[in-house]
Amino acid sequence: MSAGETKSILVEVFYLEGCNCAPPTIRQIEAAAAELGIAIELKRTIVDKTRGAVELRFLGSPTVHINGLDLDPAARQCTVYGFG
């Protein structure tokens, strides 16, 4: 990375299709990043049976990862993933 170049933070939101909590979660993430002046790369992923819960470390809808880690530090130790 060169001087003056900003590195964006990868924020991934995993959710089930039709999840009522996903849109407000995404809006809150975007608002917080804007308020703090943080550059983010926001990826939205609908989780289904073809993209497994274990592969994505999906704990429920929505699940938010920041740079590959669950937003909730306590959830990082979980190993039981699923559709909830």
PDB file of N, CA and C in Angstrom:
ATOM      1  N   MET A   1       0.843  -1.167   0.000  1.00  0.00           N
ATOM      2  CA  MET A   1       0.000   0.000   0.000  1.00  0.00           C
ATOM      3  C   MET A   1       0.893   1.236   0.000  1.00  0.00           C
ATOM      4  N   SER A   2       0.610   2.175  -0.870  1.00  0.00           N
ATOM      5  CA  SER A   2       1.427   3.378  -0.975  1.00  0.00           C
ATOM      6  C   SER A   2       0.951   4.437   0.017  1.00  0.00           C
ATOM      7  N   ALA A   3       1.794   5.445   0.226  1.00  0.00           N
ATOM      8  CA  ALA A   3       1.449   6.528   1.147  1.00  0.00           C
ATOM      9  C   ALA A   3       0.183   7.224   0.686  1.00  0.00           C
ATOM     10  N   GLY A   4      -0.699   7.516   1.604  1.00  0.00           N
ATOM     11  CA  GLY A   4      -1.933   8.202   1.283  1.00  0.00           C
ATOM     12  C   GLY A   4      -3.060   7.287   0.833  1.00  0.00           C
ATOM     13  N   GLU A   5      -2.749   6.035   0.559  1.00  0.00           N
ATOM     14  CA  GLU A   5      -3.774   5.080   0.122  1.00  0.00           C
ATOM     15  C   GLU A   5      -4.477   4.522   1.356  1.00  0.00           C
ATOM     16  N   THR A   6      -5.802   4.485   1.314  1.00  0.00           N
ATOM     17  CA  THR A   6      -6.540   3.953   2.444  1.00  0.00           C
ATOM     18  C   THR A   6      -6.937   2.513   2.156  1.00  0.00           C
ATOM     19  N   LYS A   7      -6.892   1.720   3.174  1.00  0.00           N
ATOM     20  CA  LYS A   7      -7.278   0.317   3.063  1.00  0.00           C
ATOM     21  C   LYS A   7      -8.708   0.186   3.563  1.00  0.00           C
ATOM     22  N   SER A   8      -9.549  -0.453   2.763  1.00  0.00           N
ATOM     23  CA  SER A   8     -10.932  -0.615   3.207  1.00  0.00           C
ATOM     24  C   SER A   8     -11.055  -1.858   4.075  1.00  0.00           C
ATOM     25  N   ILE A   9     -12.053  -1.837   4.898  1.00  0.00           N
ATOM     26  CA  ILE A   9     -12.368  -2.955   5.779  1.00  0.00           C
ATOM     27  C   ILE A   9     -13.423  -3.802   5.080  1.00  0.00           C
ATOM     28  N   LEU A  10     -13.208  -5.111   5.048  1.00  0.00           N
ATOM     29  CA  LEU A  10     -14.169  -6.015   4.444  1.00  0.00           C
ATOM     30  C   LEU A  10     -15.244  -6.348   5.466  1.00  0.00           C
ATOM     31  N   VAL A  11     -16.475  -5.990   5.144  1.00  0.00           N
ATOM     32  CA  VAL A  11     -17.617  -6.303   5.988  1.00  0.00           C
ATOM     33  C   VAL A  11     -18.532  -7.213   5.180  1.00  0.00           C
ATOM     34  N   GLU A  12     -18.767  -8.421   5.720  1.00  0.00           N
ATOM     35  CA  GLU A  12     -19.625  -9.386   5.045  1.00  0.00           C
ATOM     36  C   GLU A  12     -20.882  -9.605   5.874  1.00  0.00           C
ATOM     37  N   VAL A  13     -22.030  -9.521   5.212  1.00  0.00           N
ATOM     38  CA  VAL A  13     -23.304  -9.765   5.876  1.00  0.00           C
ATOM     39  C   VAL A  13     -23.917 -10.999   5.219  1.00  0.00           C
ATOM     40  N   PHE A  14     -24.079 -12.044   6.017  1.00  0.00           N
ATOM     41  CA  PHE A  14     -24.683 -13.292   5.562  1.00  0.00           C
ATOM     42  C   PHE A  14     -26.093 -13.359   6.125  1.00  0.00           C
ATOM     43  N   TYR A  15     -27.063 -13.686   5.274  1.00  0.00           N
ATOM     44  CA  TYR A  15     -28.447 -13.701   5.747  1.00  0.00           C
ATOM     45  C   TYR A  15     -29.296 -14.637   4.897  1.00  0.00           C
ATOM     46  N   LEU A  16     -30.420 -15.011   5.483  1.00  0.00           N
ATOM     47  CA  LEU A  16     -31.387 -15.842   4.770  1.00  0.00           C
ATOM     48  C   LEU A  16     -32.272 -14.947   3.923  1.00  0.00           C
ATOM     49  N   GLU A  17     -32.661 -15.428   2.761  1.00  0.00           N
ATOM     50  CA  GLU A  17     -33.559 -14.670   1.898  1.00  0.00           C
ATOM     51  C   GLU A  17     -34.838 -14.350   2.673  1.00  0.00           C
ATOM     52  N   GLY A  18     -35.251 -13.106   2.624  1.00  0.00           N
ATOM     53  CA  GLY A  18     -36.457 -12.679   3.329  1.00  0.00           C
ATOM     54  C   GLY A  18     -36.231 -12.277   4.771  1.00  0.00           C
ATOM     55  N   CYS A  19     -35.006 -12.303   5.249  1.00  0.00           N
ATOM     56  CA  CYS A  19     -34.704 -11.920   6.629  1.00  0.00           C
ATOM     57  C   CYS A  19     -35.029 -10.438   6.829  1.00  0.00           C
ATOM     58  N   ASN A  20     -35.932 -10.155   7.747  1.00  0.00           N
ATOM     59  CA  ASN A  20     -36.339  -8.773   8.015  1.00  0.00           C
ATOM     60  C   ASN A  20     -35.254  -7.960   8.714  1.00  0.00           C
ATOM     61  N   CYS A  21     -34.303  -8.634   9.336  1.00  0.00           N
ATOM     62  CA  CYS A  21     -33.258  -7.926  10.084  1.00  0.00           C
ATOM     63  C   CYS A  21     -32.072  -7.526   9.201  1.00  0.00           C
ATOM     64  N   ALA A  22     -31.913  -8.160   8.059  1.00  0.00           N
ATOM     65  CA  ALA A  22     -30.756  -7.873   7.202  1.00  0.00           C
ATOM     66  C   ALA A  22     -30.737  -6.435   6.686  1.00  0.00           C
ATOM     67  N   PRO A  23     -31.827  -5.918   6.091  1.00  0.00           N
ATOM     68  CA  PRO A  23     -31.753  -4.543   5.571  1.00  0.00           C
ATOM     69  C   PRO A  23     -31.397  -3.485   6.624  1.00  0.00           C
ATOM     70  N   PRO A  24     -32.016  -3.504   7.825  1.00  0.00           N
ATOM     71  CA  PRO A  24     -31.607  -2.493   8.808  1.00  0.00           C
ATOM     72  C   PRO A  24     -30.177  -2.698   9.304  1.00  0.00           C
ATOM     73  N   THR A  25     -29.724  -3.933   9.365  1.00  0.00           N
ATOM     74  CA  THR A  25     -28.337  -4.202   9.769  1.00  0.00           C
ATOM     75  C   THR A  25     -27.381  -3.596   8.755  1.00  0.00           C
ATOM     76  N   ILE A  26     -27.667  -3.789   7.483  1.00  0.00           N
ATOM     77  CA  ILE A  26     -26.822  -3.246   6.415  1.00  0.00           C
ATOM     78  C   ILE A  26     -26.833  -1.720   6.463  1.00  0.00           C
ATOM     79  N   ARG A  27     -27.999  -1.126   6.669  1.00  0.00           N
ATOM     80  CA  ARG A  27     -28.079   0.342   6.772  1.00  0.00           C
ATOM     81  C   ARG A  27     -27.268   0.858   7.956  1.00  0.00           C
ATOM     82  N   GLN A  28     -27.319   0.156   9.090  1.00  0.00           N
ATOM     83  CA  GLN A  28     -26.562   0.575  10.273  1.00  0.00           C
ATOM     84  C   GLN A  28     -25.062   0.489  10.023  1.00  0.00           C
ATOM     85  N   ILE A  29     -24.630  -0.546   9.338  1.00  0.00           N
ATOM     86  CA  ILE A  29     -23.203  -0.700   9.003  1.00  0.00           C
ATOM     87  C   ILE A  29     -22.762   0.454   8.105  1.00  0.00           C
ATOM     88  N   GLU A  30     -23.547   0.737   7.071  1.00  0.00           N
ATOM     89  CA  GLU A  30     -23.205   1.824   6.152  1.00  0.00           C
ATOM     90  C   GLU A  30     -23.189   3.175   6.868  1.00  0.00           C
ATOM     91  N   ALA A  31     -24.159   3.414   7.737  1.00  0.00           N
ATOM     92  CA  ALA A  31     -24.230   4.675   8.475  1.00  0.00           C
ATOM     93  C   ALA A  31     -23.044   4.821   9.429  1.00  0.00           C
ATOM     94  N   ALA A  32     -22.706   3.754  10.133  1.00  0.00           N
ATOM     95  CA  ALA A  32     -21.577   3.808  11.074  1.00  0.00           C
ATOM     96  C   ALA A  32     -20.267   4.071  10.338  1.00  0.00           C
ATOM     97  N   ALA A  33     -20.071   3.397   9.214  1.00  0.00           N
ATOM     98  CA  ALA A  33     -18.844   3.607   8.432  1.00  0.00           C
ATOM     99  C   ALA A  33     -18.761   5.048   7.943  1.00  0.00           C
ATOM    100  N   ALA A  34     -19.887   5.575   7.447  1.00  0.00           N
ATOM    101  CA  ALA A  34     -19.905   6.956   6.959  1.00  0.00           C
ATOM    102  C   ALA A  34     -19.635   7.944   8.097  1.00  0.00           C
ATOM    103  N   GLU A  35     -20.274   7.721   9.236  1.00  0.00           N
ATOM    104  CA  GLU A  35     -20.095   8.624  10.377  1.00  0.00           C
ATOM    105  C   GLU A  35     -18.652   8.637  10.867  1.00  0.00           C
ATOM    106  N   LEU A  36     -18.023   7.456  10.840  1.00  0.00           N
ATOM    107  CA  LEU A  36     -16.646   7.348  11.311  1.00  0.00           C
ATOM    108  C   LEU A  36     -15.613   7.646  10.226  1.00  0.00           C
ATOM    109  N   GLY A  37     -16.084   7.807   8.986  1.00  0.00           N
ATOM    110  CA  GLY A  37     -15.172   8.072   7.881  1.00  0.00           C
ATOM    111  C   GLY A  37     -14.321   6.871   7.521  1.00  0.00           C
ATOM    112  N   ILE A  38     -14.883   5.683   7.692  1.00  0.00           N
ATOM    113  CA  ILE A  38     -14.158   4.443   7.435  1.00  0.00           C
ATOM    114  C   ILE A  38     -14.562   3.894   6.071  1.00  0.00           C
ATOM    115  N   ALA A  39     -13.568   3.572   5.253  1.00  0.00           N
ATOM    116  CA  ALA A  39     -13.840   2.954   3.954  1.00  0.00           C
ATOM    117  C   ALA A  39     -14.115   1.471   4.171  1.00  0.00           C
ATOM    118  N   ILE A  40     -15.258   0.998   3.668  1.00  0.00           N
ATOM    119  CA  ILE A  40     -15.578  -0.423   3.787  1.00  0.00           C
ATOM    120  C   ILE A  40     -15.900  -0.999   2.419  1.00  0.00           C
ATOM    121  N   GLU A  41     -15.644  -2.282   2.293  1.00  0.00           N
ATOM    122  CA  GLU A  41     -16.121  -3.063   1.163  1.00  0.00           C
ATOM    123  C   GLU A  41     -17.225  -3.937   1.749  1.00  0.00           C
ATOM    124  N   LEU A  42     -18.459  -3.675   1.366  1.00  0.00           N
ATOM    125  CA  LEU A  42     -19.606  -4.378   1.930  1.00  0.00           C
ATOM    126  C   LEU A  42     -20.071  -5.465   0.974  1.00  0.00           C
ATOM    127  N   LYS A  43     -20.027  -6.703   1.449  1.00  0.00           N
ATOM    128  CA  LYS A  43     -20.499  -7.839   0.655  1.00  0.00           C
ATOM    129  C   LYS A  43     -21.734  -8.415   1.319  1.00  0.00           C
ATOM    130  N   ARG A  44     -22.770  -8.601   0.516  1.00  0.00           N
ATOM    131  CA  ARG A  44     -24.018  -9.199   1.000  1.00  0.00           C
ATOM    132  C   ARG A  44     -24.125 -10.587   0.390  1.00  0.00           C
ATOM    133  N   THR A  45     -24.368 -11.597   1.233  1.00  0.00           N
ATOM    134  CA  THR A  45     -24.477 -12.971   0.750  1.00  0.00           C
ATOM    135  C   THR A  45     -25.728 -13.619   1.303  1.00  0.00           C
ATOM    136  N   ILE A  46     -26.592 -14.057   0.397  1.00  0.00           N
ATOM    137  CA  ILE A  46     -27.755 -14.832   0.811  1.00  0.00           C
ATOM    138  C   ILE A  46     -27.295 -16.264   1.012  1.00  0.00           C
ATOM    139  N   VAL A  47     -27.567 -16.796   2.187  1.00  0.00           N
ATOM    140  CA  VAL A  47     -27.141 -18.146   2.544  1.00  0.00           C
ATOM    141  C   VAL A  47     -28.264 -19.114   2.182  1.00  0.00           C
ATOM    142  N   ASP A  48     -27.890 -20.174   1.487  1.00  0.00           N
ATOM    143  CA  ASP A  48     -28.849 -21.234   1.169  1.00  0.00           C
ATOM    144  C   ASP A  48     -28.122 -22.569   1.231  1.00  0.00           C
ATOM    145  N   LYS A  49     -28.802 -23.606   0.867  1.00  0.00           N
ATOM    146  CA  LYS A  49     -28.212 -24.948   0.989  1.00  0.00           C
ATOM    147  C   LYS A  49     -27.020 -25.152   0.069  1.00  0.00           C
ATOM    148  N   THR A  50     -26.919 -24.390  -1.016  1.00  0.00           N
ATOM    149  CA  THR A  50     -25.768 -24.551  -1.904  1.00  0.00           C
ATOM    150  C   THR A  50     -24.527 -23.860  -1.351  1.00  0.00           C
ATOM    151  N   ARG A  51     -24.722 -22.894  -0.501  1.00  0.00           N
ATOM    152  CA  ARG A  51     -23.610 -22.195   0.147  1.00  0.00           C
ATOM    153  C   ARG A  51     -23.760 -22.445   1.631  1.00  0.00           C
ATOM    154  N   GLY A  52     -23.136 -23.476   2.132  1.00  0.00           N
ATOM    155  CA  GLY A  52     -23.394 -24.001   3.455  1.00  0.00           C
ATOM    156  C   GLY A  52     -23.106 -23.104   4.627  1.00  0.00           C
ATOM    157  N   ALA A  53     -23.862 -23.336   5.667  1.00  0.00           N
ATOM    158  CA  ALA A  53     -23.720 -22.591   6.912  1.00  0.00           C
ATOM    159  C   ALA A  53     -22.340 -22.808   7.539  1.00  0.00           C
ATOM    160  N   VAL A  54     -21.829 -24.022   7.476  1.00  0.00           N
ATOM    161  CA  VAL A  54     -20.517 -24.309   8.081  1.00  0.00           C
ATOM    162  C   VAL A  54     -19.426 -23.568   7.321  1.00  0.00           C
ATOM    163  N   GLU A  55     -19.480 -23.626   6.005  1.00  0.00           N
ATOM    164  CA  GLU A  55     -18.474 -22.962   5.168  1.00  0.00           C
ATOM    165  C   GLU A  55     -18.391 -21.466   5.475  1.00  0.00           C
ATOM    166  N   LEU A  56     -19.537 -20.848   5.713  1.00  0.00           N
ATOM    167  CA  LEU A  56     -19.595 -19.405   5.955  1.00  0.00           C
ATOM    168  C   LEU A  56     -19.546 -19.034   7.437  1.00  0.00           C
ATOM    169  N   ARG A  57     -19.504 -20.044   8.316  1.00  0.00           N
ATOM    170  CA  ARG A  57     -19.557 -19.813   9.762  1.00  0.00           C
ATOM    171  C   ARG A  57     -20.800 -18.991  10.106  1.00  0.00           C
ATOM    172  N   PHE A  58     -21.928 -19.455   9.592  1.00  0.00           N
ATOM    173  CA  PHE A  58     -23.213 -18.777   9.698  1.00  0.00           C
ATOM    174  C   PHE A  58     -23.899 -19.188  10.991  1.00  0.00           C
ATOM    175  N   LEU A  59     -24.102 -18.225  11.884  1.00  0.00           N
ATOM    176  CA  LEU A  59     -24.697 -18.504  13.189  1.00  0.00           C
ATOM    177  C   LEU A  59     -26.169 -18.141  13.264  1.00  0.00           C
ATOM    178  N   GLY A  60     -26.680 -17.488  12.269  1.00  0.00           N
ATOM    179  CA  GLY A  60     -28.069 -17.044  12.248  1.00  0.00           C
ATOM    180  C   GLY A  60     -28.176 -15.826  11.369  1.00  0.00           C
ATOM    181  N   SER A  61     -29.378 -15.450  11.059  1.00  0.00           N
ATOM    182  CA  SER A  61     -29.601 -14.381  10.101  1.00  0.00           C
ATOM    183  C   SER A  61     -29.971 -13.074  10.788  1.00  0.00           C
ATOM    184  N   PRO A  62     -29.166 -12.038  10.574  1.00  0.00           N
ATOM    185  CA  PRO A  62     -27.932 -11.980   9.801  1.00  0.00           C
ATOM    186  C   PRO A  62     -26.697 -12.276  10.656  1.00  0.00           C
ATOM    187  N   THR A  63     -25.654 -12.701  10.001  1.00  0.00           N
ATOM    188  CA  THR A  63     -24.341 -12.874  10.612  1.00  0.00           C
ATOM    189  C   THR A  63     -23.419 -11.861   9.952  1.00  0.00           C
ATOM    190  N   VAL A  64     -22.640 -11.137  10.752  1.00  0.00           N
ATOM    191  CA  VAL A  64     -21.746 -10.105  10.229  1.00  0.00           C
ATOM    192  C   VAL A  64     -20.302 -10.486  10.548  1.00  0.00           C
ATOM    193  N   HIS A  65     -19.474 -10.493   9.515  1.00  0.00           N
ATOM    194  CA  HIS A  65     -18.036 -10.715   9.685  1.00  0.00           C
ATOM    195  C   HIS A  65     -17.291  -9.457   9.264  1.00  0.00           C
ATOM    196  N   ILE A  66     -16.270  -9.106  10.021  1.00  0.00           N
ATOM    197  CA  ILE A  66     -15.404  -7.984   9.685  1.00  0.00           C
ATOM    198  C   ILE A  66     -13.998  -8.536   9.479  1.00  0.00           C
ATOM    199  N   ASN A  67     -13.508  -8.367   8.271  1.00  0.00           N
ATOM    200  CA  ASN A  67     -12.204  -8.930   7.887  1.00  0.00           C
ATOM    201  C   ASN A  67     -12.111 -10.405   8.265  1.00  0.00           C
ATOM    202  N   GLY A  68     -13.215 -11.131   8.029  1.00  0.00           N
ATOM    203  CA  GLY A  68     -13.231 -12.572   8.239  1.00  0.00           C
ATOM    204  C   GLY A  68     -13.582 -13.039   9.636  1.00  0.00           C
ATOM    205  N   LEU A  69     -13.745 -12.116  10.572  1.00  0.00           N
ATOM    206  CA  LEU A  69     -14.071 -12.482  11.950  1.00  0.00           C
ATOM    207  C   LEU A  69     -15.487 -12.051  12.294  1.00  0.00           C
ATOM    208  N   ASP A  70     -16.188 -12.878  13.060  1.00  0.00           N
ATOM    209  CA  ASP A  70     -17.533 -12.523  13.486  1.00  0.00           C
ATOM    210  C   ASP A  70     -17.481 -11.219  14.272  1.00  0.00           C
ATOM    211  N   LEU A  71     -18.479 -10.381  14.058  1.00  0.00           N
ATOM    212  CA  LEU A  71     -18.582  -9.103  14.761  1.00  0.00           C
ATOM    213  C   LEU A  71     -18.580  -9.297  16.276  1.00  0.00           C
ATOM    214  N   ASP A  72     -19.222 -10.359  16.743  1.00  0.00           N
ATOM    215  CA  ASP A  72     -19.317 -10.650  18.179  1.00  0.00           C
ATOM    216  C   ASP A  72     -18.132 -11.527  18.593  1.00  0.00           C
ATOM    217  N   PRO A  73     -17.216 -11.001  19.411  1.00  0.00           N
ATOM    218  CA  PRO A  73     -16.052 -11.791  19.815  1.00  0.00           C
ATOM    219  C   PRO A  73     -16.426 -13.138  20.446  1.00  0.00           C
ATOM    220  N   ALA A  74     -17.513 -13.192  21.213  1.00  0.00           N
ATOM    221  CA  ALA A  74     -17.921 -14.456  21.830  1.00  0.00           C
ATOM    222  C   ALA A  74     -18.332 -15.485  20.786  1.00  0.00           C
ATOM    223  N   ALA A  75     -18.874 -15.038  19.676  1.00  0.00           N
ATOM    224  CA  ALA A  75     -19.330 -15.950  18.624  1.00  0.00           C
ATOM    225  C   ALA A  75     -18.174 -16.576  17.858  1.00  0.00           C
ATOM    226  N   ARG A  76     -17.001 -16.004  17.966  1.00  0.00           N
ATOM    227  CA  ARG A  76     -15.835 -16.524  17.232  1.00  0.00           C
ATOM    228  C   ARG A  76     -15.428 -17.909  17.710  1.00  0.00           C
ATOM    229  N   GLN A  77     -15.850 -18.274  18.908  1.00  0.00           N
ATOM    230  CA  GLN A  77     -15.524 -19.590  19.453  1.00  0.00           C
ATOM    231  C   GLN A  77     -16.564 -20.648  19.102  1.00  0.00           C
ATOM    232  N   CYS A  78     -17.682 -20.233  18.538  1.00  0.00           N
ATOM    233  CA  CYS A  78     -18.780 -21.171  18.216  1.00  0.00           C
ATOM    234  C   CYS A  78     -18.378 -22.094  17.073  1.00  0.00           C
ATOM    235  N   THR A  79     -18.853 -23.312  17.157  1.00  0.00           N
ATOM    236  CA  THR A  79     -18.605 -24.286  16.107  1.00  0.00           C
ATOM    237  C   THR A  79     -19.874 -24.944  15.624  1.00  0.00           C
ATOM    238  N   VAL A  80     -21.016 -24.501  16.133  1.00  0.00           N
ATOM    239  CA  VAL A  80     -22.305 -25.056  15.724  1.00  0.00           C
ATOM    240  C   VAL A  80     -22.964 -24.020  14.833  1.00  0.00           C
ATOM    241  N   TYR A  81     -22.959 -24.297  13.539  1.00  0.00           N
ATOM    242  CA  TYR A  81     -23.505 -23.366  12.574  1.00  0.00           C
ATOM    243  C   TYR A  81     -24.805 -23.923  12.024  1.00  0.00           C
ATOM    244  N   GLY A  82     -25.655 -23.043  11.535  1.00  0.00           N
ATOM    245  CA  GLY A  82     -26.910 -23.525  10.977  1.00  0.00           C
ATOM    246  C   GLY A  82     -27.810 -22.412  10.539  1.00  0.00           C
ATOM    247  N   PHE A  83     -28.980 -22.803  10.113  1.00  0.00           N
ATOM    248  CA  PHE A  83     -29.985 -21.870   9.616  1.00  0.00           C
ATOM    249  C   PHE A  83     -30.921 -21.526  10.749  1.00  0.00           C
ATOM    250  N   GLY A  84     -30.809 -20.299  11.254  1.00  0.00           N
ATOM    251  CA  GLY A  84     -31.653 -19.904  12.365  1.00  0.00           C
ATOM    252  C   GLY A  84     -32.059 -18.465  12.289  1.00  0.00           C
TER     253      GLY A  84
END
